[in-house]
Amino acid sequence: MGTFSLKVLAANRIFFEGRCESLIIPSLDGLVGILANHENMVIAVKEGFIRIKPEDGSEIEALVSIGFFEIMNNRATLLVQTIERPEEIDIARAREAEERAKERLRQKQSLREHYHSQASLSRAMSRLKAASKYR
């Protein structure tokens, strides 16, 4: 199987850099699978799991926040705000964030604050789901 170059970058770190056989990312239209020699494209990435299969045959899973993905000439870049392996998630902190977001949703808020609280709740629930799946 062919490989392509992949860089996975978050705001605070380089998560992965190297050659891989496949990548699965969550997009606004569902999961997108990327293989070597994929057509050039740019897509929005939503919160969810990515799966990277490096050329050594192992598999890496991680939880990502929103961002975007680009592949051009067999070189792919995934830029996200945050990325975490399931074992890196602090469950207590995620539960606290979930409770804070639920409390904010119970209060009267502007429409903008309401959407922000919904996004916070979604992030916390995704982190808890990821952590429980691997523990």
N, C-alpha and C. Protein backbone atom coordinates (compact mmCIF):
# COMPACT_ATOMS: atom_id res chain seq x y z
N MET A 1 0.84 -1.18 0.00
CA MET A 1 0.00 0.00 0.00
C MET A 1 0.88 1.24 0.00
N GLY A 2 0.45 2.28 -0.69
CA GLY A 2 1.20 3.52 -0.76
C GLY A 2 1.07 4.33 0.51
N THR A 3 1.93 5.32 0.64
CA THR A 3 1.89 6.20 1.81
C THR A 3 1.85 7.65 1.37
N PHE A 4 1.49 8.50 2.30
CA PHE A 4 1.51 9.95 2.05
C PHE A 4 2.08 10.63 3.28
N SER A 5 2.53 11.86 3.10
CA SER A 5 3.10 12.65 4.19
C SER A 5 1.97 13.30 4.98
N LEU A 6 2.04 13.22 6.31
CA LEU A 6 1.00 13.79 7.17
C LEU A 6 1.61 14.58 8.30
N LYS A 7 1.05 15.76 8.55
CA LYS A 7 1.37 16.58 9.71
C LYS A 7 0.07 16.84 10.44
N VAL A 8 0.05 16.53 11.74
CA VAL A 8 -1.11 16.84 12.57
C VAL A 8 -0.66 17.86 13.60
N LEU A 9 -1.23 19.07 13.51
CA LEU A 9 -0.81 20.18 14.36
C LEU A 9 -1.97 20.69 15.19
N ALA A 10 -1.71 20.94 16.47
CA ALA A 10 -2.67 21.59 17.36
C ALA A 10 -2.06 22.94 17.74
N ALA A 11 -2.83 23.75 18.43
CA ALA A 11 -2.35 25.07 18.82
C ALA A 11 -1.13 24.99 19.72
N ASN A 12 -1.01 23.92 20.50
CA ASN A 12 0.07 23.83 21.48
C ASN A 12 1.15 22.80 21.16
N ARG A 13 1.00 22.01 20.10
CA ARG A 13 2.02 21.00 19.83
C ARG A 13 1.86 20.38 18.44
N ILE A 14 2.95 19.73 18.03
CA ILE A 14 2.92 18.89 16.83
C ILE A 14 2.59 17.49 17.33
N PHE A 15 1.45 16.95 16.91
CA PHE A 15 1.00 15.66 17.40
C PHE A 15 1.61 14.51 16.60
N PHE A 16 1.67 14.66 15.29
CA PHE A 16 2.22 13.60 14.43
C PHE A 16 2.85 14.25 13.21
N GLU A 17 3.99 13.70 12.82
CA GLU A 17 4.64 14.13 11.59
C GLU A 17 5.35 12.93 11.01
N GLY A 18 4.96 12.53 9.81
CA GLY A 18 5.59 11.38 9.19
C GLY A 18 4.75 10.85 8.04
N ARG A 19 5.08 9.64 7.62
CA ARG A 19 4.36 9.01 6.52
C ARG A 19 3.31 8.06 7.09
N CYS A 20 2.19 8.01 6.42
CA CYS A 20 1.15 7.09 6.89
C CYS A 20 0.42 6.48 5.70
N GLU A 21 -0.26 5.36 6.00
CA GLU A 21 -1.02 4.63 4.99
C GLU A 21 -2.45 5.14 4.87
N SER A 22 -3.05 5.53 6.01
CA SER A 22 -4.43 6.02 5.97
C SER A 22 -4.70 6.97 7.12
N LEU A 23 -5.76 7.75 6.95
CA LEU A 23 -6.21 8.70 7.95
C LEU A 23 -7.72 8.77 7.87
N ILE A 24 -8.38 8.73 9.01
CA ILE A 24 -9.83 8.91 9.06
C ILE A 24 -10.10 10.11 9.95
N ILE A 25 -10.87 11.07 9.42
CA ILE A 25 -11.15 12.31 10.15
C ILE A 25 -12.65 12.60 10.14
N PRO A 26 -13.14 13.25 11.21
CA PRO A 26 -14.56 13.63 11.24
C PRO A 26 -14.77 14.97 10.55
N SER A 27 -15.59 14.97 9.51
CA SER A 27 -15.89 16.23 8.81
C SER A 27 -17.35 16.59 9.06
N LEU A 28 -17.75 17.73 8.58
CA LEU A 28 -19.13 18.16 8.74
C LEU A 28 -20.11 17.24 8.00
N ASP A 29 -19.62 16.54 6.99
CA ASP A 29 -20.46 15.62 6.20
C ASP A 29 -20.31 14.17 6.62
N GLY A 30 -19.61 13.90 7.70
CA GLY A 30 -19.38 12.52 8.15
C GLY A 30 -17.89 12.21 8.15
N LEU A 31 -17.57 10.93 8.36
CA LEU A 31 -16.16 10.52 8.38
C LEU A 31 -15.58 10.52 6.97
N VAL A 32 -14.33 10.98 6.87
CA VAL A 32 -13.63 11.02 5.59
C VAL A 32 -12.38 10.17 5.72
N GLY A 33 -12.20 9.25 4.79
CA GLY A 33 -11.00 8.42 4.76
C GLY A 33 -10.03 8.93 3.71
N ILE A 34 -8.76 8.98 4.08
CA ILE A 34 -7.72 9.49 3.18
C ILE A 34 -6.69 8.39 2.98
N LEU A 35 -6.37 8.11 1.73
CA LEU A 35 -5.32 7.16 1.36
C LEU A 35 -4.30 7.88 0.48
N ALA A 36 -3.23 7.20 0.16
CA ALA A 36 -2.21 7.77 -0.71
C ALA A 36 -2.82 8.17 -2.05
N ASN A 37 -2.31 9.24 -2.63
CA ASN A 37 -2.74 9.76 -3.93
C ASN A 37 -4.20 10.22 -3.95
N HIS A 38 -4.69 10.66 -2.81
CA HIS A 38 -6.05 11.20 -2.72
C HIS A 38 -6.12 12.49 -3.51
N GLU A 39 -7.29 12.81 -4.03
CA GLU A 39 -7.44 14.08 -4.76
C GLU A 39 -7.18 15.26 -3.82
N ASN A 40 -6.74 16.37 -4.39
CA ASN A 40 -6.49 17.57 -3.61
C ASN A 40 -7.80 18.11 -3.05
N MET A 41 -7.80 18.51 -1.77
CA MET A 41 -9.01 19.05 -1.17
C MET A 41 -8.71 19.75 0.13
N VAL A 42 -9.65 20.58 0.55
CA VAL A 42 -9.62 21.25 1.85
C VAL A 42 -11.01 21.07 2.44
N ILE A 43 -11.08 20.59 3.71
CA ILE A 43 -12.38 20.39 4.34
C ILE A 43 -12.35 20.88 5.79
N ALA A 44 -13.53 21.21 6.31
CA ALA A 44 -13.67 21.57 7.72
C ALA A 44 -13.72 20.30 8.54
N VAL A 45 -13.09 20.34 9.70
CA VAL A 45 -13.06 19.19 10.61
C VAL A 45 -13.90 19.53 11.83
N LYS A 46 -14.74 18.58 12.24
CA LYS A 46 -15.52 18.81 13.45
C LYS A 46 -14.94 17.97 14.59
N GLU A 47 -15.44 18.21 15.76
CA GLU A 47 -14.96 17.50 16.95
C GLU A 47 -15.25 16.00 16.82
N GLY A 48 -14.26 15.18 17.18
CA GLY A 48 -14.43 13.74 17.11
C GLY A 48 -13.09 13.02 17.11
N PHE A 49 -13.14 11.75 16.74
CA PHE A 49 -11.94 10.92 16.73
C PHE A 49 -11.27 10.91 15.37
N ILE A 50 -9.94 10.92 15.38
CA ILE A 50 -9.17 10.65 14.17
C ILE A 50 -8.46 9.32 14.38
N ARG A 51 -8.21 8.63 13.28
CA ARG A 51 -7.42 7.40 13.32
C ARG A 51 -6.33 7.51 12.26
N ILE A 52 -5.10 7.37 12.72
CA ILE A 52 -3.94 7.44 11.84
C ILE A 52 -3.32 6.06 11.78
N LYS A 53 -3.03 5.59 10.57
CA LYS A 53 -2.31 4.33 10.42
C LYS A 53 -0.95 4.65 9.80
N PRO A 54 0.10 4.80 10.67
CA PRO A 54 1.44 5.09 10.14
C PRO A 54 1.95 3.92 9.28
N GLU A 55 3.03 4.19 8.56
CA GLU A 55 3.55 3.17 7.66
C GLU A 55 4.08 1.94 8.39
N ASP A 56 4.33 2.02 9.71
CA ASP A 56 4.79 0.84 10.46
C ASP A 56 3.65 -0.12 10.80
N GLY A 57 2.40 0.23 10.44
CA GLY A 57 1.28 -0.67 10.66
C GLY A 57 0.55 -0.48 11.97
N SER A 58 1.06 0.35 12.87
CA SER A 58 0.37 0.60 14.14
C SER A 58 -0.85 1.48 13.87
N GLU A 59 -1.61 1.77 14.91
CA GLU A 59 -2.76 2.67 14.77
C GLU A 59 -2.77 3.66 15.92
N ILE A 60 -3.00 4.92 15.60
CA ILE A 60 -3.06 5.99 16.59
C ILE A 60 -4.45 6.59 16.56
N GLU A 61 -5.09 6.68 17.73
CA GLU A 61 -6.39 7.32 17.83
C GLU A 61 -6.27 8.54 18.74
N ALA A 62 -7.01 9.58 18.41
CA ALA A 62 -6.99 10.79 19.23
C ALA A 62 -8.30 11.54 19.06
N LEU A 63 -8.62 12.33 20.06
CA LEU A 63 -9.80 13.18 20.05
C LEU A 63 -9.37 14.57 19.61
N VAL A 64 -10.04 15.11 18.58
CA VAL A 64 -9.69 16.45 18.08
C VAL A 64 -10.87 17.40 18.24
N SER A 65 -10.55 18.67 18.29
CA SER A 65 -11.58 19.71 18.27
C SER A 65 -11.71 20.20 16.83
N ILE A 66 -12.38 21.31 16.65
CA ILE A 66 -12.60 21.81 15.29
C ILE A 66 -11.30 22.27 14.65
N GLY A 67 -11.31 22.29 13.33
CA GLY A 67 -10.14 22.73 12.59
C GLY A 67 -10.37 22.54 11.10
N PHE A 68 -9.29 22.34 10.36
CA PHE A 68 -9.45 22.02 8.95
C PHE A 68 -8.34 21.10 8.47
N PHE A 69 -8.61 20.43 7.35
CA PHE A 69 -7.70 19.46 6.77
C PHE A 69 -7.46 19.83 5.32
N GLU A 70 -6.20 19.68 4.91
CA GLU A 70 -5.83 19.95 3.53
C GLU A 70 -4.93 18.82 3.03
N ILE A 71 -5.19 18.36 1.81
CA ILE A 71 -4.26 17.44 1.15
C ILE A 71 -3.98 17.98 -0.24
N MET A 72 -2.71 18.15 -0.54
CA MET A 72 -2.25 18.64 -1.84
C MET A 72 -1.01 17.85 -2.23
N ASN A 73 -1.04 17.26 -3.40
CA ASN A 73 0.11 16.55 -3.94
C ASN A 73 0.68 15.52 -2.97
N ASN A 74 -0.21 14.72 -2.38
CA ASN A 74 0.19 13.64 -1.47
C ASN A 74 0.82 14.13 -0.17
N ARG A 75 0.59 15.39 0.19
CA ARG A 75 1.03 15.96 1.46
C ARG A 75 -0.21 16.48 2.18
N ALA A 76 -0.44 15.93 3.37
CA ALA A 76 -1.64 16.28 4.13
C ALA A 76 -1.29 17.03 5.40
N THR A 77 -2.14 17.98 5.76
CA THR A 77 -1.98 18.74 7.00
C THR A 77 -3.34 18.81 7.68
N LEU A 78 -3.35 18.45 8.96
CA LEU A 78 -4.54 18.56 9.78
C LEU A 78 -4.24 19.59 10.86
N LEU A 79 -4.98 20.70 10.87
CA LEU A 79 -4.81 21.76 11.86
C LEU A 79 -6.05 21.80 12.74
N VAL A 80 -5.87 21.63 14.03
CA VAL A 80 -7.00 21.64 14.98
C VAL A 80 -6.64 22.51 16.18
N GLN A 81 -7.67 22.90 16.91
CA GLN A 81 -7.40 23.70 18.11
C GLN A 81 -6.76 22.86 19.19
N THR A 82 -7.33 21.67 19.45
CA THR A 82 -6.78 20.78 20.47
C THR A 82 -6.80 19.34 19.98
N ILE A 83 -5.89 18.55 20.52
CA ILE A 83 -5.84 17.12 20.23
C ILE A 83 -5.35 16.41 21.48
N GLU A 84 -5.99 15.28 21.80
CA GLU A 84 -5.63 14.52 22.99
C GLU A 84 -5.77 13.03 22.71
N ARG A 85 -4.81 12.28 23.18
CA ARG A 85 -4.96 10.83 23.20
C ARG A 85 -5.93 10.51 24.34
N PRO A 86 -6.70 9.43 24.23
CA PRO A 86 -7.65 9.10 25.30
C PRO A 86 -7.01 8.96 26.68
N GLU A 87 -5.79 8.45 26.74
CA GLU A 87 -5.14 8.27 28.04
C GLU A 87 -4.65 9.59 28.64
N GLU A 88 -4.62 10.67 27.86
CA GLU A 88 -4.20 11.97 28.36
C GLU A 88 -5.34 12.78 28.99
N ILE A 89 -6.56 12.32 28.84
CA ILE A 89 -7.73 13.07 29.29
C ILE A 89 -7.87 12.98 30.81
N ASP A 90 -8.02 14.12 31.44
CA ASP A 90 -8.25 14.21 32.87
C ASP A 90 -9.77 14.11 33.09
N ILE A 91 -10.22 12.96 33.58
CA ILE A 91 -11.65 12.71 33.72
C ILE A 91 -12.30 13.67 34.70
N ALA A 92 -11.66 13.94 35.81
CA ALA A 92 -12.24 14.85 36.81
C ALA A 92 -12.44 16.25 36.22
N ARG A 93 -11.46 16.72 35.48
CA ARG A 93 -11.57 18.04 34.86
C ARG A 93 -12.67 18.07 33.81
N ALA A 94 -12.81 16.99 33.05
CA ALA A 94 -13.86 16.91 32.04
C ALA A 94 -15.24 16.90 32.69
N ARG A 95 -15.38 16.19 33.81
CA ARG A 95 -16.67 16.17 34.52
C ARG A 95 -17.02 17.56 35.06
N GLU A 96 -16.02 18.26 35.59
CA GLU A 96 -16.25 19.62 36.08
C GLU A 96 -16.68 20.54 34.94
N ALA A 97 -16.04 20.41 33.79
CA ALA A 97 -16.40 21.24 32.64
C ALA A 97 -17.82 20.93 32.18
N GLU A 98 -18.19 19.65 32.22
CA GLU A 98 -19.55 19.26 31.84
C GLU A 98 -20.57 19.91 32.79
N GLU A 99 -20.31 19.87 34.08
CA GLU A 99 -21.23 20.46 35.06
C GLU A 99 -21.33 21.97 34.89
N ARG A 100 -20.18 22.64 34.66
CA ARG A 100 -20.21 24.09 34.44
C ARG A 100 -21.04 24.44 33.21
N ALA A 101 -20.86 23.68 32.14
CA ALA A 101 -21.60 23.95 30.91
C ALA A 101 -23.10 23.72 31.10
N LYS A 102 -23.46 22.66 31.81
CA LYS A 102 -24.88 22.40 32.07
C LYS A 102 -25.49 23.52 32.91
N GLU A 103 -24.74 24.00 33.90
CA GLU A 103 -25.23 25.09 34.75
C GLU A 103 -25.42 26.36 33.92
N ARG A 104 -24.48 26.67 33.04
CA ARG A 104 -24.62 27.86 32.19
C ARG A 104 -25.82 27.75 31.27
N LEU A 105 -26.10 26.52 30.77
CA LEU A 105 -27.26 26.33 29.89
C LEU A 105 -28.58 26.54 30.64
N ARG A 106 -28.60 26.29 31.93
CA ARG A 106 -29.82 26.48 32.73
C ARG A 106 -30.10 27.96 32.99
N GLN A 107 -29.10 28.81 32.85
CA GLN A 107 -29.25 30.23 33.10
C GLN A 107 -29.71 30.95 31.83
N LYS A 108 -30.32 32.12 32.02
CA LYS A 108 -30.69 32.94 30.86
C LYS A 108 -29.42 33.51 30.24
N GLN A 109 -29.29 33.36 28.95
CA GLN A 109 -28.09 33.81 28.26
C GLN A 109 -28.47 34.44 26.92
N SER A 110 -27.53 35.16 26.37
CA SER A 110 -27.71 35.62 24.99
C SER A 110 -27.56 34.42 24.07
N LEU A 111 -27.97 34.58 22.85
CA LEU A 111 -27.88 33.47 21.89
C LEU A 111 -26.42 33.03 21.71
N ARG A 112 -25.52 34.00 21.65
CA ARG A 112 -24.10 33.69 21.49
C ARG A 112 -23.57 32.89 22.68
N GLU A 113 -23.91 33.31 23.89
CA GLU A 113 -23.48 32.59 25.09
C GLU A 113 -24.08 31.19 25.13
N HIS A 114 -25.31 31.06 24.66
CA HIS A 114 -25.97 29.74 24.63
C HIS A 114 -25.20 28.79 23.72
N TYR A 115 -24.83 29.25 22.52
CA TYR A 115 -24.07 28.41 21.59
C TYR A 115 -22.70 28.06 22.15
N HIS A 116 -22.08 29.01 22.82
CA HIS A 116 -20.79 28.76 23.44
C HIS A 116 -20.91 27.68 24.53
N SER A 117 -21.95 27.76 25.33
CA SER A 117 -22.18 26.77 26.39
C SER A 117 -22.47 25.39 25.80
N GLN A 118 -23.24 25.37 24.70
CA GLN A 118 -23.51 24.09 24.03
C GLN A 118 -22.21 23.47 23.51
N ALA A 119 -21.33 24.28 22.95
CA ALA A 119 -20.05 23.77 22.45
C ALA A 119 -19.19 23.25 23.59
N SER A 120 -19.19 23.94 24.71
CA SER A 120 -18.43 23.50 25.88
C SER A 120 -18.96 22.16 26.40
N LEU A 121 -20.27 22.03 26.45
CA LEU A 121 -20.87 20.78 26.89
C LEU A 121 -20.52 19.64 25.93
N SER A 122 -20.57 19.90 24.66
CA SER A 122 -20.23 18.89 23.66
C SER A 122 -18.78 18.43 23.80
N ARG A 123 -17.87 19.39 24.01
CA ARG A 123 -16.45 19.03 24.19
C ARG A 123 -16.26 18.17 25.43
N ALA A 124 -16.88 18.57 26.53
CA ALA A 124 -16.73 17.81 27.78
C ALA A 124 -17.28 16.40 27.62
N MET A 125 -18.42 16.27 26.97
CA MET A 125 -19.02 14.94 26.80
C MET A 125 -18.16 14.07 25.87
N SER A 126 -17.59 14.66 24.84
CA SER A 126 -16.70 13.90 23.95
C SER A 126 -15.46 13.42 24.69
N ARG A 127 -14.91 14.27 25.54
CA ARG A 127 -13.72 13.90 26.31
C ARG A 127 -14.05 12.77 27.28
N LEU A 128 -15.21 12.84 27.93
CA LEU A 128 -15.61 11.78 28.86
C LEU A 128 -15.84 10.46 28.12
N LYS A 129 -16.47 10.55 26.96
CA LYS A 129 -16.71 9.35 26.16
C LYS A 129 -15.39 8.71 25.72
N ALA A 130 -14.46 9.54 25.29
CA ALA A 130 -13.15 9.03 24.85
C ALA A 130 -12.41 8.38 26.00
N ALA A 131 -12.42 9.04 27.14
CA ALA A 131 -11.69 8.51 28.31
C ALA A 131 -12.29 7.21 28.80
N SER A 132 -13.61 7.13 28.81
CA SER A 132 -14.25 5.89 29.31
C SER A 132 -14.07 4.73 28.33
N LYS A 133 -13.94 5.05 27.06
CA LYS A 133 -13.75 4.01 26.05
C LYS A 133 -12.42 3.29 26.21
N TYR A 134 -11.43 3.99 26.73
CA TYR A 134 -10.08 3.44 26.83
C TYR A 134 -9.64 3.13 28.24
N ARG A 135 -10.56 3.18 29.21
CA ARG A 135 -10.17 2.87 30.59
C ARG A 135 -10.95 1.70 31.11
